[in-house]
C-alpha cells in the first residue's frame, strides 16, 4: 500500500485483471468504513479527482445545506479484492481523502486530520511515526439463514492448534488473502478466549498503518463470511472471558534514526521516549474516550481479564497501561495496551501524536515505573504510588475528553463536536435499555 502507484499502473491493472467496479472508501467519525462504488467506466473521473458525493448522510460530516464534497483517492492504497475473482466481477478499492468544493481539506475527515497531525509532527523535526497494531477479533457461527449467532466455533485457548481451534482454516485463509494484498503478516494465532483470534502484520508509517487496520477489518469479515462465520471486532462480545484489544506499538523517528532509543541510557530509552510517554499518561483519561469509544468497551476495561485499568507504565510486566517491549535499536517502541479494535484508528493516532508532542514540548516526565503486578496491589498501595484508574464508562471518559483542550485540539473542533454528540447519544440510548441481567435479578424479587 506504499509503493508509489501511478494512475497509469492502475489503468493497466484494470485491463489486465478485468476489474469491473471500483470502491472509493473513507471512514466516518466513528471509524465505520464507508464507500461509494462506481463502475470502472468512471475511472478517469476518479483519477482526475472529480468524484463528488453527498456528505450530509455520513455520521459526523456536515449538514444537508453544505453536503457536496470531493473524494480524492490515495493511489498507493489501490487493491483488487482476490475473493471477487470467482464471481466474474473483480472489485478494486481506493482509500480517499475528503475535500471541500473550494479545494480545502474537509476538517471532519478523520484520515485528513491525522495527516494534519503528522505534518505538525514533521514541522518539529520528526520524520516518521510508525505504528504496529495488534487487533484481536472473535469468530462466531452463522445460523441456517446466514445470520450471526453468539455461538463461538471453537473452544481453543492461547496458541492452541486444531482440532480444538476450529477457526484455524478461516484464519489461514485470512492470512493468505492479506499476503496477496501486500500485507507482511508476522504472526497468526488463537487468543486466550474461546473463539478469539489475532493476526499481526508489520508496522508502517502511521497513515498507512491506519489504512491497513481499516482494510484488515474488511478482509477479516469478508473471508469469515466465506467460511459461514461472523467476525466481530466488538471489544467484549462474550461475558466473563477476555475481550478484544488492539495494542498499539509506536515509535518516533528523526533523520538520525529511532528517537525513542538511546544507547547510553540504562534502559535504552531516550529522553524523547520518556517525554512522549509522559504526554500519553497525562492525557490517558481523555484518550480513553477515543481509544475505547463504545459503551461495550468498558466491559473489557475491568480487572482480571488482562486489559489495562490503571494509568502506569513498565518495562517488566503487562498489567500497566503502557509497556516497553524489550527490543532496542530501531525496534525501540512504546506499547499502549488500552485501545480496542472498535476505535477509529485515524482519530486515536492523531490524539496520541498530540499528547506525545505536548510531552516533548513541555519536557514532561513520567512517574516511576510500576514493575509489579498492579492487580495485586491494594487500594492503599495504589494511592501511595499515585496510580489512577482509567474511566470506567463511556460517559466518564467523555467527561474527561470534554475537559481536555489538548486532545480536542488534536482532533479539531469539527471532529470533537460530532464525536462527542454521537457518543453522548449512544450513552443515553444505552441508559434507557433494560438488560436480561436486570430482569433475572429483579423481576421476581421486587
Protein backbone atom coordinates (compact mmCIF):
# COMPACT_ATOMS: atom_id res chain seq x y z
CA UNK A 1 0.00 0.00 0.00
CA UNK A 2 3.02 2.29 -0.04
CA UNK A 3 4.51 1.54 -3.45
CA UNK A 4 4.07 4.92 -5.17
CA UNK A 5 1.41 3.58 -7.50
CA UNK A 6 0.67 5.69 -10.57
CA UNK A 7 -2.55 6.34 -12.48
CA UNK A 8 -1.04 4.57 -15.49
CA UNK A 9 -0.37 1.47 -13.38
CA UNK A 10 -3.98 1.43 -12.19
CA UNK A 11 -5.33 1.80 -15.71
CA UNK A 12 -3.22 -1.15 -16.83
CA UNK A 13 -4.27 -3.25 -13.83
CA UNK A 14 -7.93 -2.60 -14.66
CA UNK A 15 -7.36 -4.07 -18.13
CA UNK A 16 -5.06 -6.92 -17.11
CA UNK A 17 -7.12 -8.04 -14.10
CA UNK A 18 -10.53 -7.37 -15.69
CA UNK A 19 -11.75 -5.03 -12.94
CA UNK A 20 -15.45 -4.14 -13.23
CA UNK A 21 -16.16 -1.97 -10.18
CA UNK A 22 -14.24 0.46 -8.01
CA UNK A 23 -14.97 1.28 -4.38
CA UNK A 24 -13.97 4.70 -3.12
CA UNK A 25 -13.59 4.21 0.61
CA UNK A 26 -13.40 6.59 3.57
CA UNK A 27 -14.14 6.46 7.31
CA UNK A 28 -16.81 8.33 9.24
CA UNK A 29 -16.13 9.87 12.65
CA UNK A 30 -16.96 6.57 14.39
CA UNK A 31 -14.43 4.64 12.29
CA UNK A 32 -17.02 2.83 10.17
CA UNK A 33 -15.67 2.25 6.68
CA UNK A 34 -17.93 3.79 4.03
CA UNK A 35 -17.67 3.63 0.27
CA UNK A 36 -19.09 4.90 -2.98
CA UNK A 37 -18.99 2.17 -5.62
CA UNK A 38 -18.70 3.20 -9.25
CA UNK A 39 -18.42 1.19 -12.48
CA UNK A 40 -14.95 1.15 -13.96
CA UNK A 41 -16.21 3.40 -16.77
CA UNK A 42 -15.84 6.24 -14.23
CA UNK A 43 -12.14 5.54 -13.66
CA UNK A 44 -10.87 8.64 -15.45
CA UNK A 45 -13.19 10.83 -13.40
CA UNK A 46 -11.90 9.18 -10.22
CA UNK A 47 -8.26 9.61 -11.17
CA UNK A 48 -8.88 13.25 -12.09
CA UNK A 49 -10.21 13.87 -8.53
CA UNK A 50 -13.62 14.89 -9.86
CA UNK A 51 -15.77 12.35 -7.99
CA UNK A 52 -18.28 14.04 -5.69
CA UNK A 53 -20.57 12.60 -3.02
CA UNK A 54 -23.21 13.77 -0.56
CA UNK A 55 -21.55 14.15 2.86
CA UNK A 56 -24.76 15.04 4.69
CA UNK A 57 -25.75 11.38 5.03
CA UNK A 58 -22.48 10.35 6.75
CA UNK A 59 -22.18 10.29 10.56
CA UNK A 60 -20.27 13.31 11.82
CA UNK A 61 -19.85 15.03 8.48
CA UNK A 62 -21.99 18.05 7.54
CA UNK A 63 -25.48 19.50 7.37
CA UNK A 64 -27.57 18.99 4.24
CA UNK A 65 -27.06 22.57 3.03
CA UNK A 66 -23.28 22.07 2.77
CA UNK A 67 -23.16 18.48 1.59
CA UNK A 68 -21.15 18.39 -1.66
CA UNK A 69 -17.63 17.03 -1.24
CA UNK A 70 -14.87 15.53 -3.35
CA UNK A 71 -13.36 12.07 -2.88
CA UNK A 72 -9.66 12.31 -3.69
CA UNK A 73 -8.11 8.83 -3.90
CA UNK A 74 -4.71 7.94 -2.48
CA UNK A 75 -3.36 5.85 -5.35
CA UNK A 76 -0.95 3.98 -3.07
CA UNK A 77 -3.96 2.31 -1.42
CA UNK A 78 -5.01 0.55 -4.65
CA UNK A 79 -6.15 -3.04 -4.03
CA UNK A 80 -8.04 -5.64 -6.06
CA UNK A 81 -10.06 -7.96 -3.83
CA UNK A 82 -8.96 -11.53 -4.67
CA UNK A 83 -12.17 -13.09 -3.34
CA UNK A 84 -14.21 -11.37 -6.08
CA UNK A 85 -12.38 -13.15 -8.93
CA UNK A 86 -14.56 -16.27 -8.71
CA UNK A 87 -17.68 -14.14 -9.06
CA UNK A 88 -16.60 -12.88 -12.51
CA UNK A 89 -16.71 -9.23 -11.45
CA UNK A 90 -13.43 -8.15 -9.92
CA UNK A 91 -13.74 -5.25 -7.49
CA UNK A 92 -10.94 -2.84 -6.56
CA UNK A 93 -10.74 -0.28 -3.81
CA UNK A 94 -9.04 3.07 -3.20
CA UNK A 95 -8.98 4.87 0.14
CA UNK A 96 -9.82 8.55 -0.27
CA UNK A 97 -9.24 11.85 1.44
CA UNK A 98 -12.17 14.25 1.51
CA UNK A 99 -12.03 17.80 0.21
CA UNK A 100 -14.46 20.71 0.13
CA UNK A 101 -15.57 22.23 -3.20
CA UNK A 102 -13.13 25.13 -2.66
CA UNK A 103 -10.22 22.69 -2.57
CA UNK A 104 -9.60 22.79 1.20
CA UNK A 105 -9.31 19.55 3.19
CA UNK A 106 -12.58 18.72 4.94
CA UNK A 107 -11.95 19.21 8.72
CA UNK A 108 -14.30 16.34 9.56
CA UNK A 109 -12.26 13.76 7.61
CA UNK A 110 -10.52 11.50 10.18
CA UNK A 111 -7.77 10.50 7.72
CA UNK A 112 -7.16 14.08 6.65
CA UNK A 113 -6.99 15.15 10.29
CA UNK A 114 -4.36 12.51 11.02
CA UNK A 115 -2.32 13.86 8.10
CA UNK A 116 -2.61 17.32 9.69
CA UNK A 117 -1.11 16.00 12.93
CA UNK A 118 1.65 14.17 11.04
CA UNK A 119 2.51 17.48 9.33
CA UNK A 120 2.66 19.14 12.76
CA UNK A 121 4.99 16.38 13.91
CA UNK A 122 7.19 16.80 10.81
CA UNK A 123 7.44 20.54 11.46
CA UNK A 124 9.07 19.72 14.81
CA UNK A 125 11.84 17.74 13.12
CA UNK A 126 10.41 14.23 13.30
CA UNK A 127 10.43 12.35 10.01
CA UNK A 128 8.15 9.41 10.77
CA UNK A 129 5.79 7.96 13.33
CA UNK A 130 5.45 4.20 13.00
CA UNK A 131 2.56 2.07 14.22
CA UNK A 132 2.41 -1.68 14.65
CA UNK A 133 -1.17 -2.68 15.61
CA UNK A 134 -2.28 -5.97 17.19
CA UNK A 135 -6.01 -6.24 16.53
CA UNK A 136 -7.93 -9.13 18.08
CA UNK A 137 -11.31 -10.42 16.91
CA UNK A 138 -13.87 -13.14 17.56
CA UNK A 139 -15.36 -15.69 15.16
CA UNK A 140 -18.98 -16.78 15.67
CA UNK A 141 -21.16 -19.29 13.87
CA UNK A 142 -23.93 -18.26 11.50
CA UNK A 143 -27.35 -19.89 11.54
CA UNK A 144 -29.09 -21.68 8.66
CA UNK A 145 -30.23 -18.31 7.31
CA UNK A 146 -26.73 -16.89 7.33
CA UNK A 147 -27.40 -14.62 10.30
CA UNK A 148 -24.74 -14.22 13.02
CA UNK A 149 -25.25 -16.10 16.28
CA UNK A 150 -23.46 -15.73 19.62
CA UNK A 151 -22.09 -19.28 19.41
CA UNK A 152 -18.32 -19.45 19.10
CA UNK A 153 -16.95 -22.02 16.66
CA UNK A 154 -14.19 -23.42 18.89
CA UNK A 155 -13.10 -23.96 22.47
CA UNK A 156 -9.43 -23.24 21.92
CA UNK A 157 -7.13 -21.25 24.16
CA UNK A 158 -3.95 -19.26 23.76
CA UNK A 159 -1.84 -20.64 20.85
CA UNK A 160 -3.96 -23.84 20.64
CA UNK A 161 -3.95 -25.92 17.45
CA UNK A 162 -6.73 -27.66 15.50
CA UNK A 163 -8.94 -29.59 16.08
CA UNK A 164 -9.54 -27.56 19.26
CA UNK A 165 -9.11 -24.35 17.25
CA UNK A 166 -11.77 -24.76 14.55
CA UNK A 167 -11.10 -21.25 13.31
CA UNK A 168 -7.66 -22.23 12.05
CA UNK A 169 -8.70 -22.75 8.42
CA UNK A 170 -10.54 -19.44 8.32
CA UNK A 171 -7.60 -17.68 9.95
CA UNK A 172 -5.21 -19.25 7.43
CA UNK A 173 -7.35 -18.03 4.51
CA UNK A 174 -7.37 -14.55 6.01
CA UNK A 175 -3.57 -14.60 6.20
CA UNK A 176 -3.23 -15.80 2.60
CA UNK A 177 -5.56 -13.05 1.43
CA UNK A 178 -3.68 -10.41 3.41
CA UNK A 179 -0.41 -11.53 1.84
CA UNK A 180 -1.89 -11.37 -1.66
CA UNK A 181 -2.82 -7.77 -0.91
CA UNK A 182 0.68 -6.79 0.21
CA UNK A 183 0.43 -7.18 3.99
CA UNK A 184 3.51 -8.63 5.68
CA UNK A 185 1.93 -10.94 8.24
CA UNK A 186 4.23 -11.60 11.19
CA UNK A 187 2.09 -13.90 13.36
CA UNK A 188 -1.30 -15.61 13.45
CA UNK A 189 -2.69 -17.47 16.45
CA UNK A 190 -5.64 -18.29 18.65
CA UNK A 191 -6.01 -15.86 21.54
CA UNK A 192 -6.76 -16.74 25.17
CA UNK A 193 -10.58 -16.57 24.96
CA UNK A 194 -12.72 -19.12 23.18
CA UNK A 195 -13.44 -18.04 19.61
CA UNK A 196 -10.82 -15.25 19.81
CA UNK A 197 -8.02 -14.74 17.29
CA UNK A 198 -5.15 -12.42 16.49
CA UNK A 199 -3.24 -11.72 13.28
CA UNK A 200 -0.30 -9.32 13.48
CA UNK A 201 1.12 -7.52 10.47
CA UNK A 202 4.29 -5.46 10.17
CA UNK A 203 4.44 -1.87 11.35
CA UNK A 204 4.29 1.01 8.88
CA UNK A 205 4.07 4.78 8.84
CA UNK A 206 1.05 5.83 10.85
CA UNK A 207 -1.29 6.81 7.98
CA UNK A 208 -0.54 3.63 6.03
CA UNK A 209 -0.91 1.54 9.19
CA UNK A 210 -4.34 3.06 9.89
CA UNK A 211 -5.37 2.36 6.30
CA UNK A 212 -4.26 -1.23 6.80
CA UNK A 213 -6.29 -1.53 10.01
CA UNK A 214 -9.43 -0.50 8.13
CA UNK A 215 -8.67 -2.88 5.26
CA UNK A 216 -7.79 -5.64 7.73
CA UNK A 217 -11.22 -5.41 9.34
CA UNK A 218 -12.92 -5.57 5.94
CA UNK A 219 -10.83 -8.56 4.83
CA UNK A 220 -11.37 -10.48 8.08
CA UNK A 221 -15.13 -10.02 7.87
CA UNK A 222 -15.25 -10.91 4.16
CA UNK A 223 -13.20 -14.11 4.45
CA UNK A 224 -15.02 -15.19 7.63
CA UNK A 225 -18.32 -14.97 5.78
CA UNK A 226 -16.99 -17.37 3.13
CA UNK A 227 -16.45 -19.85 5.97
CA UNK A 228 -20.03 -19.25 7.16
CA UNK A 229 -18.67 -17.40 10.18
CA UNK A 230 -19.23 -13.92 11.54
CA UNK A 231 -16.14 -11.94 12.57
CA UNK A 232 -16.58 -9.12 15.05
CA UNK A 233 -14.21 -6.51 16.43
CA UNK A 234 -16.67 -5.68 19.21
CA UNK A 235 -14.50 -5.29 22.33
CA UNK A 236 -16.44 -7.63 24.64
CA UNK A 237 -18.97 -9.83 22.81
CA UNK A 238 -18.99 -12.59 25.48
CA UNK A 239 -19.28 -12.02 29.24
CA UNK A 240 -16.78 -13.42 31.73
CA UNK A 241 -13.95 -14.02 29.24
CA UNK A 242 -11.24 -11.74 27.87
CA UNK A 243 -12.26 -9.03 25.44
CA UNK A 244 -10.52 -7.91 22.25
CA UNK A 245 -7.83 -5.27 22.33
CA UNK A 246 -5.74 -3.51 19.72
CA UNK A 247 -2.36 -2.91 21.30
CA UNK A 248 -0.56 -0.06 19.55
CA UNK A 249 3.23 -0.29 19.20
CA UNK A 250 4.57 3.19 18.44
CA UNK A 251 7.97 4.60 17.53
CA UNK A 252 9.09 8.09 16.54
CA UNK A 253 11.91 8.77 14.06
CA UNK A 254 14.21 11.62 13.06
CA UNK A 255 16.73 11.70 10.23
CA UNK A 256 19.24 10.14 12.66
CA UNK A 257 17.04 7.14 13.48
CA UNK A 258 14.68 6.00 16.24
CA UNK A 259 14.11 8.96 18.55
CA UNK A 260 12.96 6.61 21.33
CA UNK A 261 16.35 4.85 21.52
CA UNK A 262 19.45 5.98 23.37
CA UNK A 263 22.30 3.50 23.60
CA UNK A 264 23.89 5.10 26.67
CA UNK A 265 20.67 5.17 28.70
CA UNK A 266 20.38 2.49 31.44
CA UNK A 267 17.06 1.40 29.95
CA UNK A 268 17.89 2.09 26.31
CA UNK A 269 15.11 4.68 26.27
CA UNK A 270 15.78 8.27 25.24
CA UNK A 271 14.61 11.43 26.94
CA UNK A 272 12.22 11.85 23.99
CA UNK A 273 10.69 8.44 24.69
CA UNK A 274 10.07 9.29 28.35
CA UNK A 275 8.59 12.68 27.43
CA UNK A 276 6.33 11.22 24.73
CA UNK A 277 5.13 8.55 27.15
CA UNK A 278 4.56 11.17 29.86
CA UNK A 279 2.29 13.09 27.48
CA UNK A 280 0.20 9.99 26.87
CA UNK A 281 -0.03 9.21 30.59
CA UNK A 282 -1.05 12.81 31.34
CA UNK A 283 -3.94 12.64 28.86
CA UNK A 284 -4.79 8.95 29.38
CA UNK A 285 -8.29 9.56 30.70
CA UNK A 286 -9.36 11.73 27.75
CA UNK A 287 -7.61 9.40 25.29
CA UNK A 288 -9.77 6.56 26.62
CA UNK A 289 -12.87 8.14 25.04
CA UNK A 290 -11.18 7.95 21.62
CA UNK A 291 -9.44 4.59 22.03
CA UNK A 292 -12.40 2.88 23.72
CA UNK A 293 -15.37 4.56 22.03
CA UNK A 294 -18.25 2.14 22.72
CA UNK A 295 -20.42 1.57 25.75
CA UNK A 296 -19.31 -2.04 25.37
CA UNK A 297 -15.62 -1.05 25.53
CA UNK A 298 -15.88 -0.61 29.29
CA UNK A 299 -16.98 -4.22 29.79
CA UNK A 300 -13.42 -5.05 28.66
CA UNK A 301 -11.61 -2.44 30.78
CA UNK A 302 -12.11 -4.27 34.09
CA UNK A 303 -9.61 -6.02 36.40
CA UNK A 304 -8.99 -9.71 35.89
CA UNK A 305 -9.16 -10.05 32.11
CA UNK A 306 -5.70 -8.79 31.02
CA UNK A 307 -6.94 -5.40 29.80
CA UNK A 308 -5.21 -2.43 31.49
CA UNK A 309 -7.19 -0.44 34.02
CA UNK A 310 -4.53 1.66 35.75
CA UNK A 311 -2.52 4.63 34.47
CA UNK A 312 1.05 3.43 34.84
CA UNK A 313 3.95 2.09 32.78
CA UNK A 314 6.52 -0.67 32.99
CA UNK A 315 9.24 -2.42 31.02
CA UNK A 316 8.81 -5.63 33.02
CA UNK A 317 5.14 -6.60 33.24
CA UNK A 318 1.94 -6.41 31.23
CA UNK A 319 -0.54 -5.06 33.76
CA UNK A 320 0.09 -1.29 33.27
CA UNK A 321 -1.40 0.92 30.58
CA UNK A 322 1.94 1.28 28.75
CA UNK A 323 4.52 -1.48 28.31
CA UNK A 324 8.03 -1.05 26.93
CA UNK A 325 8.93 -4.17 24.90
CA UNK A 326 12.49 -5.42 25.37
CA UNK A 327 13.75 -4.85 21.80
CA UNK A 328 16.11 -1.89 21.34
CA UNK A 329 17.81 -0.05 18.49
CA UNK A 330 15.40 0.79 15.68
CA UNK A 331 12.87 -1.59 17.27
CA UNK A 332 12.58 0.51 20.45
CA UNK A 333 8.90 1.30 20.93
CA UNK A 334 6.10 2.15 23.31
CA UNK A 335 3.13 -0.24 23.52
CA UNK A 336 -0.20 1.26 24.55
CA UNK A 337 -2.42 -1.62 25.70
CA UNK A 338 -5.78 0.04 26.34
CA UNK A 339 -7.01 0.71 22.79
CA UNK A 340 -9.63 -1.69 21.44
CA UNK A 341 -10.39 -2.53 17.79
CA UNK A 342 -13.65 -0.57 17.71
CA UNK A 343 -11.58 2.64 17.83
CA UNK A 344 -11.30 4.83 14.75
CA UNK A 345 -7.57 4.32 14.11
CA UNK A 346 -7.13 7.72 12.47
CA UNK A 347 -8.61 9.50 15.49
CA UNK A 348 -6.78 7.65 18.24
CA UNK A 349 -3.43 8.03 16.48
CA UNK A 350 -3.97 11.75 15.89
CA UNK A 351 -4.82 12.11 19.58
CA UNK A 352 -1.76 10.10 20.66
CA UNK A 353 0.52 12.21 18.48
CA UNK A 354 -0.96 15.36 20.04
CA UNK A 355 -0.47 14.04 23.57
CA UNK A 356 3.04 12.80 22.89
CA UNK A 357 4.18 16.01 21.21
CA UNK A 358 2.97 18.01 24.20
CA UNK A 359 5.05 15.76 26.43
CA UNK A 360 8.11 16.56 24.32
CA UNK A 361 7.36 20.30 24.07
CA UNK A 362 6.82 20.68 27.82
CA UNK A 363 9.58 18.20 28.75
CA UNK A 364 7.20 16.17 30.89
CA UNK A 365 8.49 13.25 32.91
CA UNK A 366 6.50 10.09 33.71
CA UNK A 367 6.13 8.78 37.22
CA UNK A 368 8.39 5.95 38.34
CA UNK A 369 7.83 2.65 36.53
CA UNK A 370 5.49 0.15 38.20
CA UNK A 371 7.29 -3.17 37.89
CA UNK A 372 4.93 -5.32 39.93
CA UNK A 373 1.51 -6.76 39.15
CA UNK A 374 -0.82 -3.79 39.65
CA UNK A 375 -3.85 -6.08 40.02
CA UNK A 376 -2.34 -7.48 43.24
CA UNK A 377 -1.85 -4.03 44.78
CA UNK A 378 -4.25 -2.83 47.49
CA UNK A 379 -6.17 0.44 47.21
CA UNK A 380 -3.78 1.97 49.73
CA UNK A 381 -0.73 0.84 47.74
CA UNK A 382 -2.21 2.26 44.55
CA UNK A 383 -2.91 5.54 46.29
CA UNK A 384 0.61 5.76 47.74
CA UNK A 385 2.10 5.05 44.30
CA UNK A 386 -0.08 7.77 42.76
CA UNK A 387 -1.64 5.30 40.31
CA UNK A 388 -5.01 6.43 39.00
CA UNK A 389 -7.62 4.39 37.18
CA UNK A 390 -8.92 4.79 33.65
CA UNK A 391 -12.56 5.92 33.25
CA UNK A 392 -14.95 3.06 33.95
CA UNK A 393 -17.67 4.11 31.50
CA UNK A 394 -18.01 5.89 28.18
CA UNK A 395 -19.88 8.72 29.92
CA UNK A 396 -16.98 9.19 32.35
CA UNK A 397 -14.43 9.10 29.50
CA UNK A 398 -16.39 11.70 27.53
CA UNK A 399 -16.42 13.94 30.63
CA UNK A 400 -12.61 13.75 30.64
CA UNK A 401 -12.41 14.41 26.89
CA UNK A 402 -14.64 17.48 27.21
CA UNK A 403 -12.20 18.93 29.74
CA UNK A 404 -9.02 18.19 27.76
CA UNK A 405 -8.25 21.00 25.32
CA UNK A 406 -5.05 19.34 24.03
CA UNK A 407 -6.83 16.18 22.82
CA UNK A 408 -9.65 18.29 21.38
CA UNK A 409 -7.04 20.33 19.52
CA UNK A 410 -5.53 17.13 18.09
CA UNK A 411 -8.90 16.13 16.62
CA UNK A 412 -10.04 19.60 15.64
CA UNK A 413 -13.28 21.34 16.53
CA UNK A 414 -15.46 19.66 13.88
CA UNK A 415 -14.50 16.09 14.76
CA UNK A 416 -14.54 16.77 18.51
CA UNK A 417 -18.04 18.26 18.40
CA UNK A 418 -19.51 15.49 16.26
CA UNK A 419 -17.73 12.67 18.09
CA UNK A 420 -18.99 13.83 21.48
CA UNK A 421 -22.52 14.35 20.16
CA UNK A 422 -22.62 10.87 18.63
CA UNK A 423 -21.23 9.18 21.73
CA UNK A 424 -23.47 11.03 24.19
CA UNK A 425 -26.43 9.81 22.17
CA UNK A 426 -25.08 6.25 22.41
CA UNK A 427 -24.76 6.58 26.19
CA UNK A 428 -28.28 7.95 26.52
CA UNK A 429 -29.76 5.16 24.42
CA UNK A 430 -27.92 2.54 26.48
CA UNK A 431 -29.15 4.06 29.75
CA UNK A 432 -32.74 3.51 28.66
CA UNK A 433 -32.31 -0.21 27.97
CA UNK A 434 -33.48 -2.99 30.29
CA UNK A 435 -30.93 -5.82 30.31
CA UNK A 436 -31.54 -9.53 30.82
CA UNK A 437 -29.38 -9.30 33.95
CA UNK A 438 -31.81 -6.79 35.48
CA UNK A 439 -34.79 -8.98 34.64
CA UNK A 440 -33.07 -12.07 36.07
CA UNK A 441 -32.16 -10.32 39.33
CA UNK A 442 -35.10 -8.00 39.98
CA UNK A 443 -38.22 -9.06 38.09
CA UNK A 444 -39.42 -11.72 40.55
CA UNK A 445 -37.92 -10.30 43.75
CA UNK A 446 -39.32 -6.77 43.69
